[in-house]
Amino acid sequence: PTGTEAFQEDGGAAIAPSGFQMLGH
């Protein structure tokens, strides 16, 4: 419930047709 501690992380991957990418972040 409200006030409870919470912590999360993620190393998502995003790519675009132009070739730009964000990997392993």
PDBML (XML) file of the C-alpha atoms, coordinates in Angstrom:
<?xml version="1.0" encoding="UTF-8" ?>
<PDBx:datablock datablockName="MODEL"
   xmlns:PDBx="http://pdbml.pdb.org/schema/pdbx-v50.xsd"
   xmlns:xsi="http://www.w3.org/2001/XMLSchema-instance"
   xsi:schemaLocation="http://pdbml.pdb.org/schema/pdbx-v50.xsd pdbx-v50.xsd">
   <PDBx:atom_siteCategory>
      <PDBx:atom_site id="1">
         <PDBx:B_iso_or_equiv>0.00</PDBx:B_iso_or_equiv>
         <PDBx:Cartn_x>0.000</PDBx:Cartn_x>
         <PDBx:Cartn_y>0.000</PDBx:Cartn_y>
         <PDBx:Cartn_z>0.000</PDBx:Cartn_z>
         <PDBx:auth_asym_id>A</PDBx:auth_asym_id>
         <PDBx:auth_atom_id>CA</PDBx:auth_atom_id>
         <PDBx:auth_comp_id>PRO</PDBx:auth_comp_id>
         <PDBx:auth_seq_id>1</PDBx:auth_seq_id>
         <PDBx:group_PDB>ATOM</PDBx:group_PDB>
         <PDBx:label_alt_id xsi:nil="true" />
         <PDBx:label_asym_id>A</PDBx:label_asym_id>
         <PDBx:label_atom_id>CA</PDBx:label_atom_id>
         <PDBx:label_comp_id>PRO</PDBx:label_comp_id>
         <PDBx:label_entity_id>1</PDBx:label_entity_id>
         <PDBx:label_seq_id>1</PDBx:label_seq_id>
         <PDBx:occupancy>1.00</PDBx:occupancy>
         <PDBx:pdbx_PDB_model_num>1</PDBx:pdbx_PDB_model_num>
         <PDBx:type_symbol>C</PDBx:type_symbol>
      </PDBx:atom_site>
      <PDBx:atom_site id="2">
         <PDBx:B_iso_or_equiv>0.00</PDBx:B_iso_or_equiv>
         <PDBx:Cartn_x>0.884</PDBx:Cartn_x>
         <PDBx:Cartn_y>3.676</PDBx:Cartn_y>
         <PDBx:Cartn_z>-0.200</PDBx:Cartn_z>
         <PDBx:auth_asym_id>A</PDBx:auth_asym_id>
         <PDBx:auth_atom_id>CA</PDBx:auth_atom_id>
         <PDBx:auth_comp_id>THR</PDBx:auth_comp_id>
         <PDBx:auth_seq_id>2</PDBx:auth_seq_id>
         <PDBx:group_PDB>ATOM</PDBx:group_PDB>
         <PDBx:label_alt_id xsi:nil="true" />
         <PDBx:label_asym_id>A</PDBx:label_asym_id>
         <PDBx:label_atom_id>CA</PDBx:label_atom_id>
         <PDBx:label_comp_id>THR</PDBx:label_comp_id>
         <PDBx:label_entity_id>1</PDBx:label_entity_id>
         <PDBx:label_seq_id>2</PDBx:label_seq_id>
         <PDBx:occupancy>1.00</PDBx:occupancy>
         <PDBx:pdbx_PDB_model_num>1</PDBx:pdbx_PDB_model_num>
         <PDBx:type_symbol>C</PDBx:type_symbol>
      </PDBx:atom_site>
      <PDBx:atom_site id="3">
         <PDBx:B_iso_or_equiv>0.00</PDBx:B_iso_or_equiv>
         <PDBx:Cartn_x>4.089</PDBx:Cartn_x>
         <PDBx:Cartn_y>4.460</PDBx:Cartn_y>
         <PDBx:Cartn_z>1.674</PDBx:Cartn_z>
         <PDBx:auth_asym_id>A</PDBx:auth_asym_id>
         <PDBx:auth_atom_id>CA</PDBx:auth_atom_id>
         <PDBx:auth_comp_id>GLY</PDBx:auth_comp_id>
         <PDBx:auth_seq_id>3</PDBx:auth_seq_id>
         <PDBx:group_PDB>ATOM</PDBx:group_PDB>
         <PDBx:label_alt_id xsi:nil="true" />
         <PDBx:label_asym_id>A</PDBx:label_asym_id>
         <PDBx:label_atom_id>CA</PDBx:label_atom_id>
         <PDBx:label_comp_id>GLY</PDBx:label_comp_id>
         <PDBx:label_entity_id>1</PDBx:label_entity_id>
         <PDBx:label_seq_id>3</PDBx:label_seq_id>
         <PDBx:occupancy>1.00</PDBx:occupancy>
         <PDBx:pdbx_PDB_model_num>1</PDBx:pdbx_PDB_model_num>
         <PDBx:type_symbol>C</PDBx:type_symbol>
      </PDBx:atom_site>
      <PDBx:atom_site id="4">
         <PDBx:B_iso_or_equiv>0.00</PDBx:B_iso_or_equiv>
         <PDBx:Cartn_x>5.672</PDBx:Cartn_x>
         <PDBx:Cartn_y>1.055</PDBx:Cartn_y>
         <PDBx:Cartn_z>0.984</PDBx:Cartn_z>
         <PDBx:auth_asym_id>A</PDBx:auth_asym_id>
         <PDBx:auth_atom_id>CA</PDBx:auth_atom_id>
         <PDBx:auth_comp_id>THR</PDBx:auth_comp_id>
         <PDBx:auth_seq_id>4</PDBx:auth_seq_id>
         <PDBx:group_PDB>ATOM</PDBx:group_PDB>
         <PDBx:label_alt_id xsi:nil="true" />
         <PDBx:label_asym_id>A</PDBx:label_asym_id>
         <PDBx:label_atom_id>CA</PDBx:label_atom_id>
         <PDBx:label_comp_id>THR</PDBx:label_comp_id>
         <PDBx:label_entity_id>1</PDBx:label_entity_id>
         <PDBx:label_seq_id>4</PDBx:label_seq_id>
         <PDBx:occupancy>1.00</PDBx:occupancy>
         <PDBx:pdbx_PDB_model_num>1</PDBx:pdbx_PDB_model_num>
         <PDBx:type_symbol>C</PDBx:type_symbol>
      </PDBx:atom_site>
      <PDBx:atom_site id="5">
         <PDBx:B_iso_or_equiv>0.00</PDBx:B_iso_or_equiv>
         <PDBx:Cartn_x>9.270</PDBx:Cartn_x>
         <PDBx:Cartn_y>1.065</PDBx:Cartn_y>
         <PDBx:Cartn_z>-0.273</PDBx:Cartn_z>
         <PDBx:auth_asym_id>A</PDBx:auth_asym_id>
         <PDBx:auth_atom_id>CA</PDBx:auth_atom_id>
         <PDBx:auth_comp_id>GLU</PDBx:auth_comp_id>
         <PDBx:auth_seq_id>5</PDBx:auth_seq_id>
         <PDBx:group_PDB>ATOM</PDBx:group_PDB>
         <PDBx:label_alt_id xsi:nil="true" />
         <PDBx:label_asym_id>A</PDBx:label_asym_id>
         <PDBx:label_atom_id>CA</PDBx:label_atom_id>
         <PDBx:label_comp_id>GLU</PDBx:label_comp_id>
         <PDBx:label_entity_id>1</PDBx:label_entity_id>
         <PDBx:label_seq_id>5</PDBx:label_seq_id>
         <PDBx:occupancy>1.00</PDBx:occupancy>
         <PDBx:pdbx_PDB_model_num>1</PDBx:pdbx_PDB_model_num>
         <PDBx:type_symbol>C</PDBx:type_symbol>
      </PDBx:atom_site>
      <PDBx:atom_site id="6">
         <PDBx:B_iso_or_equiv>0.00</PDBx:B_iso_or_equiv>
         <PDBx:Cartn_x>9.758</PDBx:Cartn_x>
         <PDBx:Cartn_y>-0.101</PDBx:Cartn_y>
         <PDBx:Cartn_z>-3.852</PDBx:Cartn_z>
         <PDBx:auth_asym_id>A</PDBx:auth_asym_id>
         <PDBx:auth_atom_id>CA</PDBx:auth_atom_id>
         <PDBx:auth_comp_id>ALA</PDBx:auth_comp_id>
         <PDBx:auth_seq_id>6</PDBx:auth_seq_id>
         <PDBx:group_PDB>ATOM</PDBx:group_PDB>
         <PDBx:label_alt_id xsi:nil="true" />
         <PDBx:label_asym_id>A</PDBx:label_asym_id>
         <PDBx:label_atom_id>CA</PDBx:label_atom_id>
         <PDBx:label_comp_id>ALA</PDBx:label_comp_id>
         <PDBx:label_entity_id>1</PDBx:label_entity_id>
         <PDBx:label_seq_id>6</PDBx:label_seq_id>
         <PDBx:occupancy>1.00</PDBx:occupancy>
         <PDBx:pdbx_PDB_model_num>1</PDBx:pdbx_PDB_model_num>
         <PDBx:type_symbol>C</PDBx:type_symbol>
      </PDBx:atom_site>
      <PDBx:atom_site id="7">
         <PDBx:B_iso_or_equiv>0.00</PDBx:B_iso_or_equiv>
         <PDBx:Cartn_x>12.762</PDBx:Cartn_x>
         <PDBx:Cartn_y>-0.247</PDBx:Cartn_y>
         <PDBx:Cartn_z>-6.165</PDBx:Cartn_z>
         <PDBx:auth_asym_id>A</PDBx:auth_asym_id>
         <PDBx:auth_atom_id>CA</PDBx:auth_atom_id>
         <PDBx:auth_comp_id>PHE</PDBx:auth_comp_id>
         <PDBx:auth_seq_id>7</PDBx:auth_seq_id>
         <PDBx:group_PDB>ATOM</PDBx:group_PDB>
         <PDBx:label_alt_id xsi:nil="true" />
         <PDBx:label_asym_id>A</PDBx:label_asym_id>
         <PDBx:label_atom_id>CA</PDBx:label_atom_id>
         <PDBx:label_comp_id>PHE</PDBx:label_comp_id>
         <PDBx:label_entity_id>1</PDBx:label_entity_id>
         <PDBx:label_seq_id>7</PDBx:label_seq_id>
         <PDBx:occupancy>1.00</PDBx:occupancy>
         <PDBx:pdbx_PDB_model_num>1</PDBx:pdbx_PDB_model_num>
         <PDBx:type_symbol>C</PDBx:type_symbol>
      </PDBx:atom_site>
      <PDBx:atom_site id="8">
         <PDBx:B_iso_or_equiv>0.00</PDBx:B_iso_or_equiv>
         <PDBx:Cartn_x>13.067</PDBx:Cartn_x>
         <PDBx:Cartn_y>-1.582</PDBx:Cartn_y>
         <PDBx:Cartn_z>-9.704</PDBx:Cartn_z>
         <PDBx:auth_asym_id>A</PDBx:auth_asym_id>
         <PDBx:auth_atom_id>CA</PDBx:auth_atom_id>
         <PDBx:auth_comp_id>GLN</PDBx:auth_comp_id>
         <PDBx:auth_seq_id>8</PDBx:auth_seq_id>
         <PDBx:group_PDB>ATOM</PDBx:group_PDB>
         <PDBx:label_alt_id xsi:nil="true" />
         <PDBx:label_asym_id>A</PDBx:label_asym_id>
         <PDBx:label_atom_id>CA</PDBx:label_atom_id>
         <PDBx:label_comp_id>GLN</PDBx:label_comp_id>
         <PDBx:label_entity_id>1</PDBx:label_entity_id>
         <PDBx:label_seq_id>8</PDBx:label_seq_id>
         <PDBx:occupancy>1.00</PDBx:occupancy>
         <PDBx:pdbx_PDB_model_num>1</PDBx:pdbx_PDB_model_num>
         <PDBx:type_symbol>C</PDBx:type_symbol>
      </PDBx:atom_site>
      <PDBx:atom_site id="9">
         <PDBx:B_iso_or_equiv>0.00</PDBx:B_iso_or_equiv>
         <PDBx:Cartn_x>15.564</PDBx:Cartn_x>
         <PDBx:Cartn_y>-1.532</PDBx:Cartn_y>
         <PDBx:Cartn_z>-12.583</PDBx:Cartn_z>
         <PDBx:auth_asym_id>A</PDBx:auth_asym_id>
         <PDBx:auth_atom_id>CA</PDBx:auth_atom_id>
         <PDBx:auth_comp_id>GLU</PDBx:auth_comp_id>
         <PDBx:auth_seq_id>9</PDBx:auth_seq_id>
         <PDBx:group_PDB>ATOM</PDBx:group_PDB>
         <PDBx:label_alt_id xsi:nil="true" />
         <PDBx:label_asym_id>A</PDBx:label_asym_id>
         <PDBx:label_atom_id>CA</PDBx:label_atom_id>
         <PDBx:label_comp_id>GLU</PDBx:label_comp_id>
         <PDBx:label_entity_id>1</PDBx:label_entity_id>
         <PDBx:label_seq_id>9</PDBx:label_seq_id>
         <PDBx:occupancy>1.00</PDBx:occupancy>
         <PDBx:pdbx_PDB_model_num>1</PDBx:pdbx_PDB_model_num>
         <PDBx:type_symbol>C</PDBx:type_symbol>
      </PDBx:atom_site>
      <PDBx:atom_site id="10">
         <PDBx:B_iso_or_equiv>0.00</PDBx:B_iso_or_equiv>
         <PDBx:Cartn_x>15.498</PDBx:Cartn_x>
         <PDBx:Cartn_y>-2.614</PDBx:Cartn_y>
         <PDBx:Cartn_z>-16.211</PDBx:Cartn_z>
         <PDBx:auth_asym_id>A</PDBx:auth_asym_id>
         <PDBx:auth_atom_id>CA</PDBx:auth_atom_id>
         <PDBx:auth_comp_id>ASP</PDBx:auth_comp_id>
         <PDBx:auth_seq_id>10</PDBx:auth_seq_id>
         <PDBx:group_PDB>ATOM</PDBx:group_PDB>
         <PDBx:label_alt_id xsi:nil="true" />
         <PDBx:label_asym_id>A</PDBx:label_asym_id>
         <PDBx:label_atom_id>CA</PDBx:label_atom_id>
         <PDBx:label_comp_id>ASP</PDBx:label_comp_id>
         <PDBx:label_entity_id>1</PDBx:label_entity_id>
         <PDBx:label_seq_id>10</PDBx:label_seq_id>
         <PDBx:occupancy>1.00</PDBx:occupancy>
         <PDBx:pdbx_PDB_model_num>1</PDBx:pdbx_PDB_model_num>
         <PDBx:type_symbol>C</PDBx:type_symbol>
      </PDBx:atom_site>
      <PDBx:atom_site id="11">
         <PDBx:B_iso_or_equiv>0.00</PDBx:B_iso_or_equiv>
         <PDBx:Cartn_x>17.985</PDBx:Cartn_x>
         <PDBx:Cartn_y>-2.916</PDBx:Cartn_y>
         <PDBx:Cartn_z>-19.069</PDBx:Cartn_z>
         <PDBx:auth_asym_id>A</PDBx:auth_asym_id>
         <PDBx:auth_atom_id>CA</PDBx:auth_atom_id>
         <PDBx:auth_comp_id>GLY</PDBx:auth_comp_id>
         <PDBx:auth_seq_id>11</PDBx:auth_seq_id>
         <PDBx:group_PDB>ATOM</PDBx:group_PDB>
         <PDBx:label_alt_id xsi:nil="true" />
         <PDBx:label_asym_id>A</PDBx:label_asym_id>
         <PDBx:label_atom_id>CA</PDBx:label_atom_id>
         <PDBx:label_comp_id>GLY</PDBx:label_comp_id>
         <PDBx:label_entity_id>1</PDBx:label_entity_id>
         <PDBx:label_seq_id>11</PDBx:label_seq_id>
         <PDBx:occupancy>1.00</PDBx:occupancy>
         <PDBx:pdbx_PDB_model_num>1</PDBx:pdbx_PDB_model_num>
         <PDBx:type_symbol>C</PDBx:type_symbol>
      </PDBx:atom_site>
      <PDBx:atom_site id="12">
         <PDBx:B_iso_or_equiv>0.00</PDBx:B_iso_or_equiv>
         <PDBx:Cartn_x>15.568</PDBx:Cartn_x>
         <PDBx:Cartn_y>-2.434</PDBx:Cartn_y>
         <PDBx:Cartn_z>-21.941</PDBx:Cartn_z>
         <PDBx:auth_asym_id>A</PDBx:auth_asym_id>
         <PDBx:auth_atom_id>CA</PDBx:auth_atom_id>
         <PDBx:auth_comp_id>GLY</PDBx:auth_comp_id>
         <PDBx:auth_seq_id>12</PDBx:auth_seq_id>
         <PDBx:group_PDB>ATOM</PDBx:group_PDB>
         <PDBx:label_alt_id xsi:nil="true" />
         <PDBx:label_asym_id>A</PDBx:label_asym_id>
         <PDBx:label_atom_id>CA</PDBx:label_atom_id>
         <PDBx:label_comp_id>GLY</PDBx:label_comp_id>
         <PDBx:label_entity_id>1</PDBx:label_entity_id>
         <PDBx:label_seq_id>12</PDBx:label_seq_id>
         <PDBx:occupancy>1.00</PDBx:occupancy>
         <PDBx:pdbx_PDB_model_num>1</PDBx:pdbx_PDB_model_num>
         <PDBx:type_symbol>C</PDBx:type_symbol>
      </PDBx:atom_site>
      <PDBx:atom_site id="13">
         <PDBx:B_iso_or_equiv>0.00</PDBx:B_iso_or_equiv>
         <PDBx:Cartn_x>16.442</PDBx:Cartn_x>
         <PDBx:Cartn_y>-2.454</PDBx:Cartn_y>
         <PDBx:Cartn_z>-25.646</PDBx:Cartn_z>
         <PDBx:auth_asym_id>A</PDBx:auth_asym_id>
         <PDBx:auth_atom_id>CA</PDBx:auth_atom_id>
         <PDBx:auth_comp_id>ALA</PDBx:auth_comp_id>
         <PDBx:auth_seq_id>13</PDBx:auth_seq_id>
         <PDBx:group_PDB>ATOM</PDBx:group_PDB>
         <PDBx:label_alt_id xsi:nil="true" />
         <PDBx:label_asym_id>A</PDBx:label_asym_id>
         <PDBx:label_atom_id>CA</PDBx:label_atom_id>
         <PDBx:label_comp_id>ALA</PDBx:label_comp_id>
         <PDBx:label_entity_id>1</PDBx:label_entity_id>
         <PDBx:label_seq_id>13</PDBx:label_seq_id>
         <PDBx:occupancy>1.00</PDBx:occupancy>
         <PDBx:pdbx_PDB_model_num>1</PDBx:pdbx_PDB_model_num>
         <PDBx:type_symbol>C</PDBx:type_symbol>
      </PDBx:atom_site>
      <PDBx:atom_site id="14">
         <PDBx:B_iso_or_equiv>0.00</PDBx:B_iso_or_equiv>
         <PDBx:Cartn_x>15.170</PDBx:Cartn_x>
         <PDBx:Cartn_y>0.070</PDBx:Cartn_y>
         <PDBx:Cartn_z>-28.195</PDBx:Cartn_z>
         <PDBx:auth_asym_id>A</PDBx:auth_asym_id>
         <PDBx:auth_atom_id>CA</PDBx:auth_atom_id>
         <PDBx:auth_comp_id>ALA</PDBx:auth_comp_id>
         <PDBx:auth_seq_id>14</PDBx:auth_seq_id>
         <PDBx:group_PDB>ATOM</PDBx:group_PDB>
         <PDBx:label_alt_id xsi:nil="true" />
         <PDBx:label_asym_id>A</PDBx:label_asym_id>
         <PDBx:label_atom_id>CA</PDBx:label_atom_id>
         <PDBx:label_comp_id>ALA</PDBx:label_comp_id>
         <PDBx:label_entity_id>1</PDBx:label_entity_id>
         <PDBx:label_seq_id>14</PDBx:label_seq_id>
         <PDBx:occupancy>1.00</PDBx:occupancy>
         <PDBx:pdbx_PDB_model_num>1</PDBx:pdbx_PDB_model_num>
         <PDBx:type_symbol>C</PDBx:type_symbol>
      </PDBx:atom_site>
      <PDBx:atom_site id="15">
         <PDBx:B_iso_or_equiv>0.00</PDBx:B_iso_or_equiv>
         <PDBx:Cartn_x>15.930</PDBx:Cartn_x>
         <PDBx:Cartn_y>0.056</PDBx:Cartn_y>
         <PDBx:Cartn_z>-31.923</PDBx:Cartn_z>
         <PDBx:auth_asym_id>A</PDBx:auth_asym_id>
         <PDBx:auth_atom_id>CA</PDBx:auth_atom_id>
         <PDBx:auth_comp_id>ILE</PDBx:auth_comp_id>
         <PDBx:auth_seq_id>15</PDBx:auth_seq_id>
         <PDBx:group_PDB>ATOM</PDBx:group_PDB>
         <PDBx:label_alt_id xsi:nil="true" />
         <PDBx:label_asym_id>A</PDBx:label_asym_id>
         <PDBx:label_atom_id>CA</PDBx:label_atom_id>
         <PDBx:label_comp_id>ILE</PDBx:label_comp_id>
         <PDBx:label_entity_id>1</PDBx:label_entity_id>
         <PDBx:label_seq_id>15</PDBx:label_seq_id>
         <PDBx:occupancy>1.00</PDBx:occupancy>
         <PDBx:pdbx_PDB_model_num>1</PDBx:pdbx_PDB_model_num>
         <PDBx:type_symbol>C</PDBx:type_symbol>
      </PDBx:atom_site>
      <PDBx:atom_site id="16">
         <PDBx:B_iso_or_equiv>0.00</PDBx:B_iso_or_equiv>
         <PDBx:Cartn_x>14.798</PDBx:Cartn_x>
         <PDBx:Cartn_y>2.240</PDBx:Cartn_y>
         <PDBx:Cartn_z>-34.819</PDBx:Cartn_z>
         <PDBx:auth_asym_id>A</PDBx:auth_asym_id>
         <PDBx:auth_atom_id>CA</PDBx:auth_atom_id>
         <PDBx:auth_comp_id>ALA</PDBx:auth_comp_id>
         <PDBx:auth_seq_id>16</PDBx:auth_seq_id>
         <PDBx:group_PDB>ATOM</PDBx:group_PDB>
         <PDBx:label_alt_id xsi:nil="true" />
         <PDBx:label_asym_id>A</PDBx:label_asym_id>
         <PDBx:label_atom_id>CA</PDBx:label_atom_id>
         <PDBx:label_comp_id>ALA</PDBx:label_comp_id>
         <PDBx:label_entity_id>1</PDBx:label_entity_id>
         <PDBx:label_seq_id>16</PDBx:label_seq_id>
         <PDBx:occupancy>1.00</PDBx:occupancy>
         <PDBx:pdbx_PDB_model_num>1</PDBx:pdbx_PDB_model_num>
         <PDBx:type_symbol>C</PDBx:type_symbol>
      </PDBx:atom_site>
      <PDBx:atom_site id="17">
         <PDBx:B_iso_or_equiv>0.00</PDBx:B_iso_or_equiv>
         <PDBx:Cartn_x>14.626</PDBx:Cartn_x>
         <PDBx:Cartn_y>1.570</PDBx:Cartn_y>
         <PDBx:Cartn_z>-38.598</PDBx:Cartn_z>
         <PDBx:auth_asym_id>A</PDBx:auth_asym_id>
         <PDBx:auth_atom_id>CA</PDBx:auth_atom_id>
         <PDBx:auth_comp_id>PRO</PDBx:auth_comp_id>
         <PDBx:auth_seq_id>17</PDBx:auth_seq_id>
         <PDBx:group_PDB>ATOM</PDBx:group_PDB>
         <PDBx:label_alt_id xsi:nil="true" />
         <PDBx:label_asym_id>A</PDBx:label_asym_id>
         <PDBx:label_atom_id>CA</PDBx:label_atom_id>
         <PDBx:label_comp_id>PRO</PDBx:label_comp_id>
         <PDBx:label_entity_id>1</PDBx:label_entity_id>
         <PDBx:label_seq_id>17</PDBx:label_seq_id>
         <PDBx:occupancy>1.00</PDBx:occupancy>
         <PDBx:pdbx_PDB_model_num>1</PDBx:pdbx_PDB_model_num>
         <PDBx:type_symbol>C</PDBx:type_symbol>
      </PDBx:atom_site>
      <PDBx:atom_site id="18">
         <PDBx:B_iso_or_equiv>0.00</PDBx:B_iso_or_equiv>
         <PDBx:Cartn_x>17.306</PDBx:Cartn_x>
         <PDBx:Cartn_y>4.247</PDBx:Cartn_y>
         <PDBx:Cartn_z>-39.092</PDBx:Cartn_z>
         <PDBx:auth_asym_id>A</PDBx:auth_asym_id>
         <PDBx:auth_atom_id>CA</PDBx:auth_atom_id>
         <PDBx:auth_comp_id>SER</PDBx:auth_comp_id>
         <PDBx:auth_seq_id>18</PDBx:auth_seq_id>
         <PDBx:group_PDB>ATOM</PDBx:group_PDB>
         <PDBx:label_alt_id xsi:nil="true" />
         <PDBx:label_asym_id>A</PDBx:label_asym_id>
         <PDBx:label_atom_id>CA</PDBx:label_atom_id>
         <PDBx:label_comp_id>SER</PDBx:label_comp_id>
         <PDBx:label_entity_id>1</PDBx:label_entity_id>
         <PDBx:label_seq_id>18</PDBx:label_seq_id>
         <PDBx:occupancy>1.00</PDBx:occupancy>
         <PDBx:pdbx_PDB_model_num>1</PDBx:pdbx_PDB_model_num>
         <PDBx:type_symbol>C</PDBx:type_symbol>
      </PDBx:atom_site>
      <PDBx:atom_site id="19">
         <PDBx:B_iso_or_equiv>0.00</PDBx:B_iso_or_equiv>
         <PDBx:Cartn_x>19.777</PDBx:Cartn_x>
         <PDBx:Cartn_y>2.006</PDBx:Cartn_y>
         <PDBx:Cartn_z>-37.251</PDBx:Cartn_z>
         <PDBx:auth_asym_id>A</PDBx:auth_asym_id>
         <PDBx:auth_atom_id>CA</PDBx:auth_atom_id>
         <PDBx:auth_comp_id>GLY</PDBx:auth_comp_id>
         <PDBx:auth_seq_id>19</PDBx:auth_seq_id>
         <PDBx:group_PDB>ATOM</PDBx:group_PDB>
         <PDBx:label_alt_id xsi:nil="true" />
         <PDBx:label_asym_id>A</PDBx:label_asym_id>
         <PDBx:label_atom_id>CA</PDBx:label_atom_id>
         <PDBx:label_comp_id>GLY</PDBx:label_comp_id>
         <PDBx:label_entity_id>1</PDBx:label_entity_id>
         <PDBx:label_seq_id>19</PDBx:label_seq_id>
         <PDBx:occupancy>1.00</PDBx:occupancy>
         <PDBx:pdbx_PDB_model_num>1</PDBx:pdbx_PDB_model_num>
         <PDBx:type_symbol>C</PDBx:type_symbol>
      </PDBx:atom_site>
      <PDBx:atom_site id="20">
         <PDBx:B_iso_or_equiv>0.00</PDBx:B_iso_or_equiv>
         <PDBx:Cartn_x>19.882</PDBx:Cartn_x>
         <PDBx:Cartn_y>3.940</PDBx:Cartn_y>
         <PDBx:Cartn_z>-33.980</PDBx:Cartn_z>
         <PDBx:auth_asym_id>A</PDBx:auth_asym_id>
         <PDBx:auth_atom_id>CA</PDBx:auth_atom_id>
         <PDBx:auth_comp_id>PHE</PDBx:auth_comp_id>
         <PDBx:auth_seq_id>20</PDBx:auth_seq_id>
         <PDBx:group_PDB>ATOM</PDBx:group_PDB>
         <PDBx:label_alt_id xsi:nil="true" />
         <PDBx:label_asym_id>A</PDBx:label_asym_id>
         <PDBx:label_atom_id>CA</PDBx:label_atom_id>
         <PDBx:label_comp_id>PHE</PDBx:label_comp_id>
         <PDBx:label_entity_id>1</PDBx:label_entity_id>
         <PDBx:label_seq_id>20</PDBx:label_seq_id>
         <PDBx:occupancy>1.00</PDBx:occupancy>
         <PDBx:pdbx_PDB_model_num>1</PDBx:pdbx_PDB_model_num>
         <PDBx:type_symbol>C</PDBx:type_symbol>
      </PDBx:atom_site>
      <PDBx:atom_site id="21">
         <PDBx:B_iso_or_equiv>0.00</PDBx:B_iso_or_equiv>
         <PDBx:Cartn_x>19.749</PDBx:Cartn_x>
         <PDBx:Cartn_y>1.736</PDBx:Cartn_y>
         <PDBx:Cartn_z>-30.912</PDBx:Cartn_z>
         <PDBx:auth_asym_id>A</PDBx:auth_asym_id>
         <PDBx:auth_atom_id>CA</PDBx:auth_atom_id>
         <PDBx:auth_comp_id>GLN</PDBx:auth_comp_id>
         <PDBx:auth_seq_id>21</PDBx:auth_seq_id>
         <PDBx:group_PDB>ATOM</PDBx:group_PDB>
         <PDBx:label_alt_id xsi:nil="true" />
         <PDBx:label_asym_id>A</PDBx:label_asym_id>
         <PDBx:label_atom_id>CA</PDBx:label_atom_id>
         <PDBx:label_comp_id>GLN</PDBx:label_comp_id>
         <PDBx:label_entity_id>1</PDBx:label_entity_id>
         <PDBx:label_seq_id>21</PDBx:label_seq_id>
         <PDBx:occupancy>1.00</PDBx:occupancy>
         <PDBx:pdbx_PDB_model_num>1</PDBx:pdbx_PDB_model_num>
         <PDBx:type_symbol>C</PDBx:type_symbol>
      </PDBx:atom_site>
      <PDBx:atom_site id="22">
         <PDBx:B_iso_or_equiv>0.00</PDBx:B_iso_or_equiv>
         <PDBx:Cartn_x>19.887</PDBx:Cartn_x>
         <PDBx:Cartn_y>1.744</PDBx:Cartn_y>
         <PDBx:Cartn_z>-27.117</PDBx:Cartn_z>
         <PDBx:auth_asym_id>A</PDBx:auth_asym_id>
         <PDBx:auth_atom_id>CA</PDBx:auth_atom_id>
         <PDBx:auth_comp_id>MET</PDBx:auth_comp_id>
         <PDBx:auth_seq_id>22</PDBx:auth_seq_id>
         <PDBx:group_PDB>ATOM</PDBx:group_PDB>
         <PDBx:label_alt_id xsi:nil="true" />
         <PDBx:label_asym_id>A</PDBx:label_asym_id>
         <PDBx:label_atom_id>CA</PDBx:label_atom_id>
         <PDBx:label_comp_id>MET</PDBx:label_comp_id>
         <PDBx:label_entity_id>1</PDBx:label_entity_id>
         <PDBx:label_seq_id>22</PDBx:label_seq_id>
         <PDBx:occupancy>1.00</PDBx:occupancy>
         <PDBx:pdbx_PDB_model_num>1</PDBx:pdbx_PDB_model_num>
         <PDBx:type_symbol>C</PDBx:type_symbol>
      </PDBx:atom_site>
      <PDBx:atom_site id="23">
         <PDBx:B_iso_or_equiv>0.00</PDBx:B_iso_or_equiv>
         <PDBx:Cartn_x>21.141</PDBx:Cartn_x>
         <PDBx:Cartn_y>-1.626</PDBx:Cartn_y>
         <PDBx:Cartn_z>-25.933</PDBx:Cartn_z>
         <PDBx:auth_asym_id>A</PDBx:auth_asym_id>
         <PDBx:auth_atom_id>CA</PDBx:auth_atom_id>
         <PDBx:auth_comp_id>LEU</PDBx:auth_comp_id>
         <PDBx:auth_seq_id>23</PDBx:auth_seq_id>
         <PDBx:group_PDB>ATOM</PDBx:group_PDB>
         <PDBx:label_alt_id xsi:nil="true" />
         <PDBx:label_asym_id>A</PDBx:label_asym_id>
         <PDBx:label_atom_id>CA</PDBx:label_atom_id>
         <PDBx:label_comp_id>LEU</PDBx:label_comp_id>
         <PDBx:label_entity_id>1</PDBx:label_entity_id>
         <PDBx:label_seq_id>23</PDBx:label_seq_id>
         <PDBx:occupancy>1.00</PDBx:occupancy>
         <PDBx:pdbx_PDB_model_num>1</PDBx:pdbx_PDB_model_num>
         <PDBx:type_symbol>C</PDBx:type_symbol>
      </PDBx:atom_site>
      <PDBx:atom_site id="24">
         <PDBx:B_iso_or_equiv>0.00</PDBx:B_iso_or_equiv>
         <PDBx:Cartn_x>22.213</PDBx:Cartn_x>
         <PDBx:Cartn_y>-3.072</PDBx:Cartn_y>
         <PDBx:Cartn_z>-22.601</PDBx:Cartn_z>
         <PDBx:auth_asym_id>A</PDBx:auth_asym_id>
         <PDBx:auth_atom_id>CA</PDBx:auth_atom_id>
         <PDBx:auth_comp_id>GLY</PDBx:auth_comp_id>
         <PDBx:auth_seq_id>24</PDBx:auth_seq_id>
         <PDBx:group_PDB>ATOM</PDBx:group_PDB>
         <PDBx:label_alt_id xsi:nil="true" />
         <PDBx:label_asym_id>A</PDBx:label_asym_id>
         <PDBx:label_atom_id>CA</PDBx:label_atom_id>
         <PDBx:label_comp_id>GLY</PDBx:label_comp_id>
         <PDBx:label_entity_id>1</PDBx:label_entity_id>
         <PDBx:label_seq_id>24</PDBx:label_seq_id>
         <PDBx:occupancy>1.00</PDBx:occupancy>
         <PDBx:pdbx_PDB_model_num>1</PDBx:pdbx_PDB_model_num>
         <PDBx:type_symbol>C</PDBx:type_symbol>
      </PDBx:atom_site>
      <PDBx:atom_site id="25">
         <PDBx:B_iso_or_equiv>0.00</PDBx:B_iso_or_equiv>
         <PDBx:Cartn_x>21.369</PDBx:Cartn_x>
         <PDBx:Cartn_y>0.140</PDBx:Cartn_y>
         <PDBx:Cartn_z>-20.766</PDBx:Cartn_z>
         <PDBx:auth_asym_id>A</PDBx:auth_asym_id>
         <PDBx:auth_atom_id>CA</PDBx:auth_atom_id>
         <PDBx:auth_comp_id>HIS</PDBx:auth_comp_id>
         <PDBx:auth_seq_id>25</PDBx:auth_seq_id>
         <PDBx:group_PDB>ATOM</PDBx:group_PDB>
         <PDBx:label_alt_id xsi:nil="true" />
         <PDBx:label_asym_id>A</PDBx:label_asym_id>
         <PDBx:label_atom_id>CA</PDBx:label_atom_id>
         <PDBx:label_comp_id>HIS</PDBx:label_comp_id>
         <PDBx:label_entity_id>1</PDBx:label_entity_id>
         <PDBx:label_seq_id>25</PDBx:label_seq_id>
         <PDBx:occupancy>1.00</PDBx:occupancy>
         <PDBx:pdbx_PDB_model_num>1</PDBx:pdbx_PDB_model_num>
         <PDBx:type_symbol>C</PDBx:type_symbol>
      </PDBx:atom_site>
   </PDBx:atom_siteCategory>
</PDBx:datablock>
